[in-house]
Amino acid sequence: MPRGGKKGHKGRGKQFSNPEEIDRQMKAQRELEENPGAEKESSAESEEESSSDEDSEFKRRNGVEGLIEIENPNRVSQKNKKVTEIDENAPKELSRREREEIEKQKSKERYMKLHQEGKTDQAKADLARLAIIKKQREDAAKKRDDIRKAEKEAEDAKGKR
């Protein structure tokens, strides 16, 4: 029975890349990333190699792939900075969460300051409530004093009899 059942096999067989070719491409990529100026020097010396490589790459690619150079936008190449390039005095970029946390702390400190000065609505309500409680306590203290005085006068009146 043929591959793919009764209908027959459709599609191509799998093609695998040559490991030496992959190693060569990766090595060339690393050299380009490390020494961008070295490409100009090496290109002048090895024009014969590059032309034969381009021909083989063009033959290997089918259709439009050979004409259009496609680069993966998701691939991020590491660009290492030298110690001399790093600026310690430059302002550090904060993440969104860090900025929001700092803003939250500042607004909380501002609110507490206004609250202590009695300028917020909540502080005004608290002060009004405290004033009412103070007045109630003063009235209760006066009543207690009046009751004690009345009791003393009653005891004095009993003692005089």
C-alpha atoms as a PDB file:
ATOM      1  CA  MET A   1       0.000   0.000   0.000  1.00  0.00           C
ATOM      2  CA  PRO A   2       1.468   3.409  -0.920  1.00  0.00           C
ATOM      3  CA  ARG A   3       2.172   6.104   1.653  1.00  0.00           C
ATOM      4  CA  GLY A   4      -0.916   8.096   2.558  1.00  0.00           C
ATOM      5  CA  GLY A   5      -3.437   5.283   2.058  1.00  0.00           C
ATOM      6  CA  LYS A   6      -5.511   4.627  -1.051  1.00  0.00           C
ATOM      7  CA  LYS A   7      -5.364   8.190  -2.313  1.00  0.00           C
ATOM      8  CA  GLY A   8      -1.600   8.247  -2.525  1.00  0.00           C
ATOM      9  CA  HIS A   9       1.004  10.427  -0.848  1.00  0.00           C
ATOM     10  CA  LYS A  10       0.627  14.182  -1.271  1.00  0.00           C
ATOM     11  CA  GLY A  11       3.210  16.789  -0.432  1.00  0.00           C
ATOM     12  CA  ARG A  12       6.965  16.722  -0.240  1.00  0.00           C
ATOM     13  CA  GLY A  13       9.267  14.676   1.872  1.00  0.00           C
ATOM     14  CA  LYS A  14      10.949  16.372   4.796  1.00  0.00           C
ATOM     15  CA  GLN A  15      14.145  18.299   4.076  1.00  0.00           C
ATOM     16  CA  PHE A  16      16.757  18.671   6.766  1.00  0.00           C
ATOM     17  CA  SER A  17      19.434  21.349   6.922  1.00  0.00           C
ATOM     18  CA  ASN A  18      23.049  20.342   6.793  1.00  0.00           C
ATOM     19  CA  PRO A  19      24.633  20.780  10.297  1.00  0.00           C
ATOM     20  CA  GLU A  20      27.864  22.182   8.818  1.00  0.00           C
ATOM     21  CA  GLU A  21      25.865  24.794   6.916  1.00  0.00           C
ATOM     22  CA  ILE A  22      23.997  25.795  10.104  1.00  0.00           C
ATOM     23  CA  ASP A  23      27.280  26.116  12.029  1.00  0.00           C
ATOM     24  CA  ARG A  24      28.783  28.225   9.254  1.00  0.00           C
ATOM     25  CA  GLN A  25      25.769  30.575   9.211  1.00  0.00           C
ATOM     26  CA  MET A  26      25.784  30.971  12.993  1.00  0.00           C
ATOM     27  CA  LYS A  27      29.518  31.697  12.986  1.00  0.00           C
ATOM     28  CA  ALA A  28      29.075  34.353  10.294  1.00  0.00           C
ATOM     29  CA  GLN A  29      26.185  35.888  12.260  1.00  0.00           C
ATOM     30  CA  ARG A  30      28.298  36.101  15.437  1.00  0.00           C
ATOM     31  CA  GLU A  31      31.172  37.689  13.551  1.00  0.00           C
ATOM     32  CA  LEU A  32      28.845  40.325  12.105  1.00  0.00           C
ATOM     33  CA  GLU A  33      27.425  41.156  15.543  1.00  0.00           C
ATOM     34  CA  GLU A  34      30.841  41.362  17.210  1.00  0.00           C
ATOM     35  CA  ASN A  35      32.724  43.212  14.459  1.00  0.00           C
ATOM     36  CA  PRO A  36      30.485  45.249  12.165  1.00  0.00           C
ATOM     37  CA  GLY A  37      33.560  46.842  10.517  1.00  0.00           C
ATOM     38  CA  ALA A  38      35.152  43.463   9.859  1.00  0.00           C
ATOM     39  CA  GLU A  39      32.517  42.673   7.234  1.00  0.00           C
ATOM     40  CA  LYS A  40      33.905  45.336   4.884  1.00  0.00           C
ATOM     41  CA  GLU A  41      37.447  44.024   5.208  1.00  0.00           C
ATOM     42  CA  SER A  42      36.525  40.376   4.771  1.00  0.00           C
ATOM     43  CA  SER A  43      34.184  41.140   1.861  1.00  0.00           C
ATOM     44  CA  ALA A  44      37.005  42.672  -0.153  1.00  0.00           C
ATOM     45  CA  GLU A  45      39.253  39.671   0.464  1.00  0.00           C
ATOM     46  CA  SER A  46      36.729  36.944  -0.217  1.00  0.00           C
ATOM     47  CA  GLU A  47      34.510  38.107  -3.059  1.00  0.00           C
ATOM     48  CA  GLU A  48      34.792  34.720  -4.732  1.00  0.00           C
ATOM     49  CA  GLU A  49      33.484  32.902  -1.640  1.00  0.00           C
ATOM     50  CA  SER A  50      30.594  35.304  -1.118  1.00  0.00           C
ATOM     51  CA  SER A  51      29.444  35.108  -4.726  1.00  0.00           C
ATOM     52  CA  SER A  52      29.440  31.307  -4.630  1.00  0.00           C
ATOM     53  CA  ASP A  53      27.654  31.385  -1.241  1.00  0.00           C
ATOM     54  CA  GLU A  54      25.009  33.758  -2.605  1.00  0.00           C
ATOM     55  CA  ASP A  55      24.458  31.509  -5.607  1.00  0.00           C
ATOM     56  CA  SER A  56      24.028  28.456  -3.401  1.00  0.00           C
ATOM     57  CA  GLU A  57      21.663  30.358  -1.075  1.00  0.00           C
ATOM     58  CA  PHE A  58      19.635  31.605  -4.036  1.00  0.00           C
ATOM     59  CA  LYS A  59      19.397  28.072  -5.461  1.00  0.00           C
ATOM     60  CA  ARG A  60      18.409  26.700  -2.092  1.00  0.00           C
ATOM     61  CA  ARG A  61      15.538  29.169  -1.672  1.00  0.00           C
ATOM     62  CA  ASN A  62      12.474  28.736  -3.788  1.00  0.00           C
ATOM     63  CA  GLY A  63      10.203  31.354  -5.270  1.00  0.00           C
ATOM     64  CA  VAL A  64      10.059  34.767  -3.651  1.00  0.00           C
ATOM     65  CA  GLU A  65      12.161  33.774  -0.617  1.00  0.00           C
ATOM     66  CA  GLY A  66      15.327  34.395  -2.589  1.00  0.00           C
ATOM     67  CA  LEU A  67      14.269  37.933  -3.481  1.00  0.00           C
ATOM     68  CA  ILE A  68      12.922  39.126  -0.130  1.00  0.00           C
ATOM     69  CA  GLU A  69      15.091  39.179   2.957  1.00  0.00           C
ATOM     70  CA  ILE A  70      12.887  38.388   5.947  1.00  0.00           C
ATOM     71  CA  GLU A  71      14.037  39.007   9.482  1.00  0.00           C
ATOM     72  CA  ASN A  72      12.268  37.762  12.580  1.00  0.00           C
ATOM     73  CA  PRO A  73      11.056  40.820  14.548  1.00  0.00           C
ATOM     74  CA  ASN A  74      10.749  38.718  17.721  1.00  0.00           C
ATOM     75  CA  ARG A  75      14.418  37.780  17.739  1.00  0.00           C
ATOM     76  CA  VAL A  76      16.321  40.115  20.048  1.00  0.00           C
ATOM     77  CA  SER A  77      20.066  40.147  19.706  1.00  0.00           C
ATOM     78  CA  GLN A  78      21.992  40.923  22.874  1.00  0.00           C
ATOM     79  CA  LYS A  79      23.972  44.119  22.587  1.00  0.00           C
ATOM     80  CA  ASN A  80      26.483  44.243  25.382  1.00  0.00           C
ATOM     81  CA  LYS A  81      27.509  47.656  26.639  1.00  0.00           C
ATOM     82  CA  LYS A  82      31.039  48.414  27.635  1.00  0.00           C
ATOM     83  CA  VAL A  83      31.737  49.733  31.113  1.00  0.00           C
ATOM     84  CA  THR A  84      32.936  53.020  29.641  1.00  0.00           C
ATOM     85  CA  GLU A  85      29.602  53.488  27.820  1.00  0.00           C
ATOM     86  CA  ILE A  86      27.467  53.151  30.948  1.00  0.00           C
ATOM     87  CA  ASP A  87      26.428  56.514  32.373  1.00  0.00           C
ATOM     88  CA  GLU A  88      25.952  56.327  36.135  1.00  0.00           C
ATOM     89  CA  ASN A  89      24.558  59.881  36.369  1.00  0.00           C
ATOM     90  CA  ALA A  90      21.755  59.210  33.882  1.00  0.00           C
ATOM     91  CA  PRO A  91      18.294  59.051  35.447  1.00  0.00           C
ATOM     92  CA  LYS A  92      17.085  55.499  35.931  1.00  0.00           C
ATOM     93  CA  GLU A  93      13.955  54.619  34.002  1.00  0.00           C
ATOM     94  CA  LEU A  94      11.277  53.384  36.389  1.00  0.00           C
ATOM     95  CA  SER A  95       8.750  50.766  35.500  1.00  0.00           C
ATOM     96  CA  ARG A  96       5.049  51.590  35.482  1.00  0.00           C
ATOM     97  CA  ARG A  97       4.478  49.751  38.755  1.00  0.00           C
ATOM     98  CA  GLU A  98       7.348  51.568  40.466  1.00  0.00           C
ATOM     99  CA  ARG A  99       6.054  54.956  39.273  1.00  0.00           C
ATOM    100  CA  GLU A 100       2.534  54.154  40.461  1.00  0.00           C
ATOM    101  CA  GLU A 101       3.852  53.005  43.850  1.00  0.00           C
ATOM    102  CA  ILE A 102       5.831  56.247  44.305  1.00  0.00           C
ATOM    103  CA  GLU A 103       2.806  58.357  43.306  1.00  0.00           C
ATOM    104  CA  LYS A 104       0.631  56.412  45.732  1.00  0.00           C
ATOM    105  CA  GLN A 105       3.062  57.016  48.607  1.00  0.00           C
ATOM    106  CA  LYS A 106       3.324  60.739  47.819  1.00  0.00           C
ATOM    107  CA  SER A 107      -0.446  61.194  47.649  1.00  0.00           C
ATOM    108  CA  LYS A 108      -0.846  59.327  50.941  1.00  0.00           C
ATOM    109  CA  GLU A 109       1.748  61.598  52.611  1.00  0.00           C
ATOM    110  CA  ARG A 110      -0.008  64.698  51.194  1.00  0.00           C
ATOM    111  CA  TYR A 111      -3.360  63.498  52.500  1.00  0.00           C
ATOM    112  CA  MET A 112      -1.951  62.754  55.960  1.00  0.00           C
ATOM    113  CA  LYS A 113      -0.400  66.230  56.104  1.00  0.00           C
ATOM    114  CA  LEU A 114      -3.706  67.900  55.174  1.00  0.00           C
ATOM    115  CA  HIS A 115      -5.547  65.612  57.590  1.00  0.00           C
ATOM    116  CA  GLN A 116      -3.294  66.677  60.468  1.00  0.00           C
ATOM    117  CA  GLU A 117      -3.899  70.317  59.592  1.00  0.00           C
ATOM    118  CA  GLY A 118      -7.656  69.620  59.615  1.00  0.00           C
ATOM    119  CA  LYS A 119      -8.253  70.608  56.000  1.00  0.00           C
ATOM    120  CA  THR A 120      -9.776  67.384  54.710  1.00  0.00           C
ATOM    121  CA  ASP A 121     -13.474  66.526  54.896  1.00  0.00           C
ATOM    122  CA  GLN A 122     -12.782  63.527  57.077  1.00  0.00           C
ATOM    123  CA  ALA A 123     -10.678  65.605  59.477  1.00  0.00           C
ATOM    124  CA  LYS A 124     -13.432  68.230  59.716  1.00  0.00           C
ATOM    125  CA  ALA A 125     -16.006  65.540  60.477  1.00  0.00           C
ATOM    126  CA  ASP A 126     -13.703  64.009  63.117  1.00  0.00           C
ATOM    127  CA  LEU A 127     -13.145  67.383  64.784  1.00  0.00           C
ATOM    128  CA  ALA A 128     -16.890  68.109  64.840  1.00  0.00           C
ATOM    129  CA  ARG A 129     -17.561  64.695  66.372  1.00  0.00           C
ATOM    130  CA  LEU A 130     -14.853  65.297  68.989  1.00  0.00           C
ATOM    131  CA  ALA A 131     -16.357  68.690  69.857  1.00  0.00           C
ATOM    132  CA  ILE A 132     -19.780  67.071  70.405  1.00  0.00           C
ATOM    133  CA  ILE A 133     -18.254  64.360  72.608  1.00  0.00           C
ATOM    134  CA  LYS A 134     -16.330  66.961  74.663  1.00  0.00           C
ATOM    135  CA  LYS A 135     -19.513  68.947  75.229  1.00  0.00           C
ATOM    136  CA  GLN A 136     -21.394  65.818  76.289  1.00  0.00           C
ATOM    137  CA  ARG A 137     -18.628  64.885  78.734  1.00  0.00           C
ATOM    138  CA  GLU A 138     -18.584  68.422  80.200  1.00  0.00           C
ATOM    139  CA  ASP A 139     -22.373  68.301  80.677  1.00  0.00           C
ATOM    140  CA  ALA A 140     -22.103  64.881  82.340  1.00  0.00           C
ATOM    141  CA  ALA A 141     -19.315  66.140  84.631  1.00  0.00           C
ATOM    142  CA  LYS A 142     -21.475  69.176  85.641  1.00  0.00           C
ATOM    143  CA  LYS A 143     -24.405  66.857  86.395  1.00  0.00           C
ATOM    144  CA  ARG A 144     -22.201  64.658  88.572  1.00  0.00           C
ATOM    145  CA  ASP A 145     -20.887  67.703  90.434  1.00  0.00           C
ATOM    146  CA  ASP A 146     -24.457  68.979  90.978  1.00  0.00           C
ATOM    147  CA  ILE A 147     -25.558  65.561  92.248  1.00  0.00           C
ATOM    148  CA  ARG A 148     -22.588  65.354  94.639  1.00  0.00           C
ATOM    149  CA  LYS A 149     -23.298  68.868  95.937  1.00  0.00           C
ATOM    150  CA  ALA A 150     -26.961  68.010  96.431  1.00  0.00           C
ATOM    151  CA  GLU A 151     -26.003  64.808  98.301  1.00  0.00           C
ATOM    152  CA  LYS A 152     -23.563  66.747 100.521  1.00  0.00           C
ATOM    153  CA  GLU A 153     -26.212  69.367 101.317  1.00  0.00           C
ATOM    154  CA  ALA A 154     -28.688  66.598 102.145  1.00  0.00           C
ATOM    155  CA  GLU A 155     -26.158  64.954 104.487  1.00  0.00           C
ATOM    156  CA  ASP A 156     -25.348  68.321 106.087  1.00  0.00           C
ATOM    157  CA  ALA A 157     -29.062  68.974 106.607  1.00  0.00           C
ATOM    158  CA  LYS A 158     -29.484  65.552 108.267  1.00  0.00           C
ATOM    159  CA  GLY A 159     -26.449  66.139 110.471  1.00  0.00           C
ATOM    160  CA  LYS A 160     -27.750  69.507 111.707  1.00  0.00           C
ATOM    161  CA  ARG A 161     -31.021  68.085 112.841  1.00  0.00           C
END
